[in-house]
């Protein structure tokens, strides 16, 4: 009898290795040069493949961001599912997003901490990412809703506010990091996320 989950063949494993190599090289180049300062040629050369091979895996440089963000969102969902069921919903969501800060630091999403100015595709990129975040807000709000008492008034509204607030804080970190980088005062974005969530937990009031 064949196994239920057969191990991928050599061809499939090599394809996945190439895909991961392209993402890893893109992430390193985006972090070093910014999204606008990195070309498909740069990414292909760093991964030791041809541009033709690159386009077998990704339709454009921009498409590197979205598949990577989808993986990151899946990580957040898994991290949230592992949180204690009786934990405060906002704390649970923020905790899950904080855990995601580690893979985020190694992902192609780091390209968003650099300015997209000067790229013809910055409008479409922002539109697609806005849509991706909106879709994840919906998915995240459903996960939060499952943590709430069934008879809680306006539970659906409460869940959506929690999800949107937490992800807005994450987007604020990206924008702050980008502004600091442009001002020449950039630091690691990962520590900013817990600080953003601490501000959110204090209802927007910074500590004195």
C-alpha atoms as a PDB file:
ATOM      1  CA  UNK A   1       0.000   0.000   0.000  1.00  0.00           C
ATOM      2  CA  UNK A   2       1.316   3.424  -0.939  1.00  0.00           C
ATOM      3  CA  UNK A   3       1.885   5.872   1.959  1.00  0.00           C
ATOM      4  CA  UNK A   4      -0.785   8.529   2.532  1.00  0.00           C
ATOM      5  CA  UNK A   5       1.816  11.295   2.318  1.00  0.00           C
ATOM      6  CA  UNK A   6       4.526  10.134  -0.082  1.00  0.00           C
ATOM      7  CA  UNK A   7       7.822  11.963   0.131  1.00  0.00           C
ATOM      8  CA  UNK A   8       8.292  14.474  -2.719  1.00  0.00           C
ATOM      9  CA  UNK A   9      10.483  13.208  -5.536  1.00  0.00           C
ATOM     10  CA  UNK A  10      13.958  14.520  -6.279  1.00  0.00           C
ATOM     11  CA  UNK A  11      12.662  16.855  -8.999  1.00  0.00           C
ATOM     12  CA  UNK A  12      10.095  18.429  -6.654  1.00  0.00           C
ATOM     13  CA  UNK A  13      12.658  18.809  -3.874  1.00  0.00           C
ATOM     14  CA  UNK A  14      15.106  20.552  -6.208  1.00  0.00           C
ATOM     15  CA  UNK A  15      12.372  22.907  -7.403  1.00  0.00           C
ATOM     16  CA  UNK A  16      11.491  23.786  -3.822  1.00  0.00           C
ATOM     17  CA  UNK A  17      15.181  24.328  -3.010  1.00  0.00           C
ATOM     18  CA  UNK A  18      15.482  26.718  -5.956  1.00  0.00           C
ATOM     19  CA  UNK A  19      12.348  28.579  -4.917  1.00  0.00           C
ATOM     20  CA  UNK A  20      13.623  28.941  -1.360  1.00  0.00           C
ATOM     21  CA  UNK A  21      17.043  30.047  -2.607  1.00  0.00           C
ATOM     22  CA  UNK A  22      15.472  32.767  -4.741  1.00  0.00           C
ATOM     23  CA  UNK A  23      13.417  34.010  -1.793  1.00  0.00           C
ATOM     24  CA  UNK A  24      16.406  33.940   0.552  1.00  0.00           C
ATOM     25  CA  UNK A  25      18.624  35.833  -1.882  1.00  0.00           C
ATOM     26  CA  UNK A  26      15.868  38.346  -2.581  1.00  0.00           C
ATOM     27  CA  UNK A  27      15.371  38.908   1.151  1.00  0.00           C
ATOM     28  CA  UNK A  28      19.081  39.547   1.677  1.00  0.00           C
ATOM     29  CA  UNK A  29      19.270  41.932  -1.276  1.00  0.00           C
ATOM     30  CA  UNK A  30      16.081  43.776  -0.316  1.00  0.00           C
ATOM     31  CA  UNK A  31      17.465  44.272   3.194  1.00  0.00           C
ATOM     32  CA  UNK A  32      20.799  45.531   1.833  1.00  0.00           C
ATOM     33  CA  UNK A  33      19.743  47.583  -1.184  1.00  0.00           C
ATOM     34  CA  UNK A  34      16.013  48.076  -0.819  1.00  0.00           C
ATOM     35  CA  UNK A  35      13.303  46.815  -3.138  1.00  0.00           C
ATOM     36  CA  UNK A  36      13.827  49.519  -5.768  1.00  0.00           C
ATOM     37  CA  UNK A  37      17.594  48.989  -5.746  1.00  0.00           C
ATOM     38  CA  UNK A  38      17.357  45.262  -6.444  1.00  0.00           C
ATOM     39  CA  UNK A  39      16.787  43.794  -9.894  1.00  0.00           C
ATOM     40  CA  UNK A  40      15.710  40.372 -11.109  1.00  0.00           C
ATOM     41  CA  UNK A  41      19.208  40.014 -12.543  1.00  0.00           C
ATOM     42  CA  UNK A  42      20.681  40.621  -9.080  1.00  0.00           C
ATOM     43  CA  UNK A  43      18.419  38.027  -7.464  1.00  0.00           C
ATOM     44  CA  UNK A  44      19.065  35.395 -10.125  1.00  0.00           C
ATOM     45  CA  UNK A  45      22.827  35.919  -9.942  1.00  0.00           C
ATOM     46  CA  UNK A  46      22.845  35.662  -6.157  1.00  0.00           C
ATOM     47  CA  UNK A  47      20.912  32.388  -6.365  1.00  0.00           C
ATOM     48  CA  UNK A  48      23.258  31.159  -9.115  1.00  0.00           C
ATOM     49  CA  UNK A  49      20.460  30.667 -11.638  1.00  0.00           C
ATOM     50  CA  UNK A  50      19.513  32.339 -14.908  1.00  0.00           C
ATOM     51  CA  UNK A  51      16.889  35.035 -15.282  1.00  0.00           C
ATOM     52  CA  UNK A  52      14.938  32.545 -17.364  1.00  0.00           C
ATOM     53  CA  UNK A  53      14.916  30.171 -14.392  1.00  0.00           C
ATOM     54  CA  UNK A  54      13.778  32.994 -12.120  1.00  0.00           C
ATOM     55  CA  UNK A  55      10.712  33.576 -14.268  1.00  0.00           C
ATOM     56  CA  UNK A  56       9.804  29.906 -14.066  1.00  0.00           C
ATOM     57  CA  UNK A  57       9.162  30.461 -10.361  1.00  0.00           C
ATOM     58  CA  UNK A  58       8.038  34.072 -10.097  1.00  0.00           C
ATOM     59  CA  UNK A  59       6.282  36.242 -12.655  1.00  0.00           C
ATOM     60  CA  UNK A  60       8.043  39.378 -11.428  1.00  0.00           C
ATOM     61  CA  UNK A  61      10.180  40.808  -8.651  1.00  0.00           C
ATOM     62  CA  UNK A  62       7.003  42.156  -7.050  1.00  0.00           C
ATOM     63  CA  UNK A  63       5.483  38.689  -6.815  1.00  0.00           C
ATOM     64  CA  UNK A  64       8.209  37.676  -4.370  1.00  0.00           C
ATOM     65  CA  UNK A  65       6.522  39.756  -1.679  1.00  0.00           C
ATOM     66  CA  UNK A  66       3.068  38.195  -1.740  1.00  0.00           C
ATOM     67  CA  UNK A  67       3.857  34.458  -1.613  1.00  0.00           C
ATOM     68  CA  UNK A  68       6.245  35.222   1.213  1.00  0.00           C
ATOM     69  CA  UNK A  69       3.600  37.214   3.067  1.00  0.00           C
ATOM     70  CA  UNK A  70       1.162  34.334   2.624  1.00  0.00           C
ATOM     71  CA  UNK A  71       3.626  32.027   4.352  1.00  0.00           C
ATOM     72  CA  UNK A  72       4.070  34.566   7.128  1.00  0.00           C
ATOM     73  CA  UNK A  73       0.319  34.907   7.633  1.00  0.00           C
ATOM     74  CA  UNK A  74       0.051  31.106   7.888  1.00  0.00           C
ATOM     75  CA  UNK A  75       2.732  31.219  10.583  1.00  0.00           C
ATOM     76  CA  UNK A  76       0.746  33.818  12.512  1.00  0.00           C
ATOM     77  CA  UNK A  77      -2.394  31.701  12.343  1.00  0.00           C
ATOM     78  CA  UNK A  78      -0.543  28.654  13.668  1.00  0.00           C
ATOM     79  CA  UNK A  79       1.066  30.700  16.444  1.00  0.00           C
ATOM     80  CA  UNK A  80      -2.312  32.082  17.486  1.00  0.00           C
ATOM     81  CA  UNK A  81      -3.862  28.621  17.547  1.00  0.00           C
ATOM     82  CA  UNK A  82      -1.133  27.547  19.967  1.00  0.00           C
ATOM     83  CA  UNK A  83      -1.872  30.354  22.456  1.00  0.00           C
ATOM     84  CA  UNK A  84      -3.786  29.524  25.674  1.00  0.00           C
ATOM     85  CA  UNK A  85      -7.528  29.593  24.931  1.00  0.00           C
ATOM     86  CA  UNK A  86      -8.271  31.761  27.984  1.00  0.00           C
ATOM     87  CA  UNK A  87      -5.645  34.394  27.148  1.00  0.00           C
ATOM     88  CA  UNK A  88      -6.874  37.946  26.547  1.00  0.00           C
ATOM     89  CA  UNK A  89      -7.685  38.127  22.801  1.00  0.00           C
ATOM     90  CA  UNK A  90      -5.582  41.213  22.136  1.00  0.00           C
ATOM     91  CA  UNK A  91      -2.627  39.763  24.033  1.00  0.00           C
ATOM     92  CA  UNK A  92      -2.989  36.496  22.123  1.00  0.00           C
ATOM     93  CA  UNK A  93      -3.001  38.190  18.732  1.00  0.00           C
ATOM     94  CA  UNK A  94      -0.105  40.478  19.617  1.00  0.00           C
ATOM     95  CA  UNK A  95       1.839  37.522  20.983  1.00  0.00           C
ATOM     96  CA  UNK A  96       1.330  35.573  17.774  1.00  0.00           C
ATOM     97  CA  UNK A  97       2.437  38.527  15.643  1.00  0.00           C
ATOM     98  CA  UNK A  98       5.488  39.025  17.860  1.00  0.00           C
ATOM     99  CA  UNK A  99       6.480  35.397  17.280  1.00  0.00           C
ATOM    100  CA  UNK A 100       6.199  36.081  13.553  1.00  0.00           C
ATOM    101  CA  UNK A 101       8.772  38.881  13.866  1.00  0.00           C
ATOM    102  CA  UNK A 102      11.581  36.303  13.673  1.00  0.00           C
ATOM    103  CA  UNK A 103      10.665  34.839  10.255  1.00  0.00           C
ATOM    104  CA  UNK A 104       9.689  38.352   9.145  1.00  0.00           C
ATOM    105  CA  UNK A 105      13.262  39.523   9.733  1.00  0.00           C
ATOM    106  CA  UNK A 106      14.434  36.838   7.288  1.00  0.00           C
ATOM    107  CA  UNK A 107      11.691  37.284   4.685  1.00  0.00           C
ATOM    108  CA  UNK A 108      11.292  39.236   1.459  1.00  0.00           C
ATOM    109  CA  UNK A 109       8.835  41.460   3.316  1.00  0.00           C
ATOM    110  CA  UNK A 110      11.900  43.314   4.611  1.00  0.00           C
ATOM    111  CA  UNK A 111      11.768  45.045   1.230  1.00  0.00           C
ATOM    112  CA  UNK A 112       8.852  47.037   2.597  1.00  0.00           C
ATOM    113  CA  UNK A 113      11.075  48.667   5.217  1.00  0.00           C
ATOM    114  CA  UNK A 114      12.749  50.474   2.312  1.00  0.00           C
ATOM    115  CA  UNK A 115      11.117  53.150   0.192  1.00  0.00           C
ATOM    116  CA  UNK A 116       9.287  52.013  -2.937  1.00  0.00           C
ATOM    117  CA  UNK A 117       9.613  55.474  -4.453  1.00  0.00           C
ATOM    118  CA  UNK A 118      11.038  55.478  -7.935  1.00  0.00           C
ATOM    119  CA  UNK A 119       9.538  52.140  -8.923  1.00  0.00           C
ATOM    120  CA  UNK A 120       6.834  52.107 -11.558  1.00  0.00           C
ATOM    121  CA  UNK A 121       5.128  49.258  -9.752  1.00  0.00           C
ATOM    122  CA  UNK A 122       4.831  50.869  -6.327  1.00  0.00           C
ATOM    123  CA  UNK A 123       1.113  51.559  -6.859  1.00  0.00           C
ATOM    124  CA  UNK A 124       0.228  47.956  -7.783  1.00  0.00           C
ATOM    125  CA  UNK A 125       2.426  46.640  -4.965  1.00  0.00           C
ATOM    126  CA  UNK A 126       0.639  48.769  -2.384  1.00  0.00           C
ATOM    127  CA  UNK A 127      -2.747  47.792  -3.799  1.00  0.00           C
ATOM    128  CA  UNK A 128      -1.967  44.078  -3.677  1.00  0.00           C
ATOM    129  CA  UNK A 129      -0.490  44.285  -0.186  1.00  0.00           C
ATOM    130  CA  UNK A 130      -3.451  46.321   1.065  1.00  0.00           C
ATOM    131  CA  UNK A 131      -5.746  43.628  -0.286  1.00  0.00           C
ATOM    132  CA  UNK A 132      -3.627  40.904   1.310  1.00  0.00           C
ATOM    133  CA  UNK A 133      -3.751  42.644   4.695  1.00  0.00           C
ATOM    134  CA  UNK A 134      -7.510  43.170   4.413  1.00  0.00           C
ATOM    135  CA  UNK A 135      -8.030  39.501   3.657  1.00  0.00           C
ATOM    136  CA  UNK A 136      -5.879  38.522   6.610  1.00  0.00           C
ATOM    137  CA  UNK A 137      -7.766  40.912   8.878  1.00  0.00           C
ATOM    138  CA  UNK A 138     -10.919  38.984   7.994  1.00  0.00           C
ATOM    139  CA  UNK A 139      -9.224  35.631   8.614  1.00  0.00           C
ATOM    140  CA  UNK A 140      -7.669  36.826  11.856  1.00  0.00           C
ATOM    141  CA  UNK A 141     -10.953  38.268  13.122  1.00  0.00           C
ATOM    142  CA  UNK A 142     -12.610  34.856  12.676  1.00  0.00           C
ATOM    143  CA  UNK A 143      -9.884  33.255  14.782  1.00  0.00           C
ATOM    144  CA  UNK A 144     -10.399  35.893  17.476  1.00  0.00           C
ATOM    145  CA  UNK A 145     -14.159  35.380  17.321  1.00  0.00           C
ATOM    146  CA  UNK A 146     -13.707  31.708  18.197  1.00  0.00           C
ATOM    147  CA  UNK A 147     -11.991  32.763  21.420  1.00  0.00           C
ATOM    148  CA  UNK A 148     -14.917  34.904  22.566  1.00  0.00           C
ATOM    149  CA  UNK A 149     -17.964  33.780  24.595  1.00  0.00           C
ATOM    150  CA  UNK A 150     -20.800  32.724  22.312  1.00  0.00           C
ATOM    151  CA  UNK A 151     -23.232  35.108  24.043  1.00  0.00           C
ATOM    152  CA  UNK A 152     -20.924  38.138  24.030  1.00  0.00           C
ATOM    153  CA  UNK A 153     -22.702  41.239  22.602  1.00  0.00           C
ATOM    154  CA  UNK A 154     -21.183  42.533  19.352  1.00  0.00           C
ATOM    155  CA  UNK A 155     -18.618  39.748  19.417  1.00  0.00           C
ATOM    156  CA  UNK A 156     -18.059  40.039  15.665  1.00  0.00           C
ATOM    157  CA  UNK A 157     -17.298  43.762  15.993  1.00  0.00           C
ATOM    158  CA  UNK A 158     -14.999  43.170  18.955  1.00  0.00           C
ATOM    159  CA  UNK A 159     -13.081  40.503  17.042  1.00  0.00           C
ATOM    160  CA  UNK A 160     -12.676  42.714  13.981  1.00  0.00           C
ATOM    161  CA  UNK A 161     -11.428  45.648  16.070  1.00  0.00           C
ATOM    162  CA  UNK A 162      -8.840  43.411  17.733  1.00  0.00           C
ATOM    163  CA  UNK A 163      -7.610  42.003  14.409  1.00  0.00           C
ATOM    164  CA  UNK A 164      -7.506  45.361  12.632  1.00  0.00           C
ATOM    165  CA  UNK A 165      -5.834  47.134  15.548  1.00  0.00           C
ATOM    166  CA  UNK A 166      -3.070  44.548  15.873  1.00  0.00           C
ATOM    167  CA  UNK A 167      -2.320  44.478  12.152  1.00  0.00           C
ATOM    168  CA  UNK A 168      -2.440  48.283  12.001  1.00  0.00           C
ATOM    169  CA  UNK A 169       0.254  48.340  14.680  1.00  0.00           C
ATOM    170  CA  UNK A 170       2.334  45.936  12.568  1.00  0.00           C
ATOM    171  CA  UNK A 171       1.926  48.187   9.524  1.00  0.00           C
ATOM    172  CA  UNK A 172       2.909  51.170  11.670  1.00  0.00           C
ATOM    173  CA  UNK A 173       6.177  49.403  12.456  1.00  0.00           C
ATOM    174  CA  UNK A 174       6.887  48.943   8.739  1.00  0.00           C
ATOM    175  CA  UNK A 175       6.178  52.597   8.014  1.00  0.00           C
ATOM    176  CA  UNK A 176       8.216  53.811  11.000  1.00  0.00           C
ATOM    177  CA  UNK A 177      11.159  51.646  10.002  1.00  0.00           C
ATOM    178  CA  UNK A 178      10.944  52.942   6.429  1.00  0.00           C
ATOM    179  CA  UNK A 179      10.836  56.576   7.627  1.00  0.00           C
ATOM    180  CA  UNK A 180      13.784  56.030   9.959  1.00  0.00           C
ATOM    181  CA  UNK A 181      15.777  54.363   7.189  1.00  0.00           C
ATOM    182  CA  UNK A 182      15.156  57.318   4.894  1.00  0.00           C
ATOM    183  CA  UNK A 183      16.265  59.642   7.697  1.00  0.00           C
ATOM    184  CA  UNK A 184      19.409  57.588   8.267  1.00  0.00           C
ATOM    185  CA  UNK A 185      18.405  56.449  11.751  1.00  0.00           C
ATOM    186  CA  UNK A 186      17.186  52.918  10.971  1.00  0.00           C
ATOM    187  CA  UNK A 187      17.492  50.147  13.516  1.00  0.00           C
ATOM    188  CA  UNK A 188      16.232  46.571  13.668  1.00  0.00           C
ATOM    189  CA  UNK A 189      12.485  46.542  13.072  1.00  0.00           C
ATOM    190  CA  UNK A 190      11.822  43.443  15.203  1.00  0.00           C
ATOM    191  CA  UNK A 191      12.137  45.214  18.609  1.00  0.00           C
ATOM    192  CA  UNK A 192       9.710  47.880  17.424  1.00  0.00           C
ATOM    193  CA  UNK A 193       6.822  45.429  17.234  1.00  0.00           C
ATOM    194  CA  UNK A 194       6.545  44.713  20.989  1.00  0.00           C
ATOM    195  CA  UNK A 195       6.830  48.464  21.619  1.00  0.00           C
ATOM    196  CA  UNK A 196       3.997  49.135  19.174  1.00  0.00           C
ATOM    197  CA  UNK A 197       1.833  46.528  20.882  1.00  0.00           C
ATOM    198  CA  UNK A 198       2.639  48.027  24.289  1.00  0.00           C
ATOM    199  CA  UNK A 199       1.386  51.388  23.031  1.00  0.00           C
ATOM    200  CA  UNK A 200      -1.745  49.678  21.698  1.00  0.00           C
ATOM    201  CA  UNK A 201      -2.345  47.970  25.028  1.00  0.00           C
ATOM    202  CA  UNK A 202      -2.173  51.372  26.754  1.00  0.00           C
ATOM    203  CA  UNK A 203      -4.846  52.678  24.343  1.00  0.00           C
ATOM    204  CA  UNK A 204      -2.307  54.756  22.460  1.00  0.00           C
ATOM    205  CA  UNK A 205      -0.825  56.476  25.534  1.00  0.00           C
ATOM    206  CA  UNK A 206       3.007  56.301  25.540  1.00  0.00           C
ATOM    207  CA  UNK A 207       4.846  55.632  28.766  1.00  0.00           C
ATOM    208  CA  UNK A 208       6.356  58.714  30.368  1.00  0.00           C
END
